Amino acid sequence: MHGSATHFSKRGLAVARVGSPKAKSSLVRRLVATENDPAKRRIRAWLTELDDEQLAGLGLTSEDIAILRGTT
């Protein structure tokens, strides 16, 4: 029974990832989740002006960058 629960949990995680990609960076998660915070919108706009190499230098993964830019 324990094996089934573990298998189900892994399947549930895979489905969640496919449905909506989740940023590894907590900064990106917070910036993308906000709707009514003008400061966070400005920060997101500033970050999207940086090129991929600069964003990677800040520790963002390619998936984080895609989510930040809204291309996922």
Protein backbone atom coordinates (compact mmCIF):
# COMPACT_ATOMS: atom_id res chain seq x y z
CA MET A 1 0.00 0.00 0.00
CA HIS A 2 2.83 2.39 0.81
CA GLY A 3 4.31 1.88 -2.67
CA SER A 4 1.02 2.88 -4.28
CA ALA A 5 0.82 6.10 -2.28
CA THR A 6 4.37 6.99 -3.27
CA HIS A 7 3.66 6.24 -6.90
CA PHE A 8 0.50 8.35 -6.77
CA SER A 9 2.42 11.25 -5.19
CA LYS A 10 5.02 11.20 -7.93
CA ARG A 11 2.32 11.13 -10.60
CA GLY A 12 0.58 14.07 -8.91
CA LEU A 13 3.78 16.09 -8.97
CA ALA A 14 4.36 15.33 -12.62
CA VAL A 15 0.86 16.48 -13.48
CA ALA A 16 1.35 19.70 -11.52
CA ARG A 17 4.58 20.44 -13.40
CA VAL A 18 3.00 19.86 -16.78
CA GLY A 19 -0.05 21.98 -15.98
CA SER A 20 1.83 25.04 -14.75
CA PRO A 21 5.58 25.37 -14.70
CA LYS A 22 6.93 26.49 -11.35
CA ALA A 23 9.94 28.75 -11.11
CA LYS A 24 12.83 27.48 -9.01
CA SER A 25 13.62 31.02 -7.95
CA SER A 26 11.42 32.31 -5.14
CA LEU A 27 11.97 35.83 -6.49
CA VAL A 28 10.51 34.88 -9.86
CA ARG A 29 7.60 33.04 -8.18
CA ARG A 30 6.77 36.16 -6.13
CA LEU A 31 7.10 38.54 -9.07
CA VAL A 32 4.91 36.42 -11.35
CA ALA A 33 2.26 35.82 -8.68
CA THR A 34 1.70 39.50 -7.94
CA GLU A 35 -1.04 41.44 -9.65
CA ASN A 36 -1.65 44.56 -7.59
CA ASP A 37 1.85 45.53 -6.51
CA PRO A 38 3.29 48.29 -8.70
CA ALA A 39 6.78 47.91 -7.21
CA LYS A 40 6.95 44.22 -8.08
CA ARG A 41 5.65 44.96 -11.58
CA ARG A 42 8.45 47.52 -12.04
CA ILE A 43 11.07 45.03 -10.82
CA ARG A 44 9.73 42.39 -13.19
CA ALA A 45 9.80 44.86 -16.08
CA TRP A 46 13.38 45.83 -15.22
CA LEU A 47 14.48 42.19 -15.04
CA THR A 48 12.86 41.32 -18.37
CA GLU A 49 14.99 44.04 -20.00
CA LEU A 50 18.15 42.12 -19.03
CA ASP A 51 19.44 39.52 -21.46
CA ASP A 52 19.46 35.81 -20.62
CA GLU A 53 23.17 35.80 -19.74
CA GLN A 54 22.70 38.58 -17.19
CA LEU A 55 19.70 36.83 -15.66
CA ALA A 56 21.64 33.56 -15.48
CA GLY A 57 24.39 35.50 -13.72
CA LEU A 58 21.82 36.40 -11.07
CA GLY A 59 21.18 32.69 -10.53
CA LEU A 60 18.04 32.24 -12.62
CA THR A 61 17.60 29.02 -14.59
CA SER A 62 16.43 29.01 -18.20
CA GLU A 63 13.00 27.91 -16.93
CA ASP A 64 12.93 30.84 -14.47
CA ILE A 65 13.79 33.22 -17.30
CA ALA A 66 11.04 31.83 -19.53
CA ILE A 67 8.48 32.16 -16.72
CA LEU A 68 9.65 35.68 -15.92
CA ARG A 69 9.27 36.69 -19.55
CA GLY A 70 5.89 34.96 -19.77
CA THR A 71 6.92 32.60 -22.56
CA THR A 72 5.87 29.34 -20.91
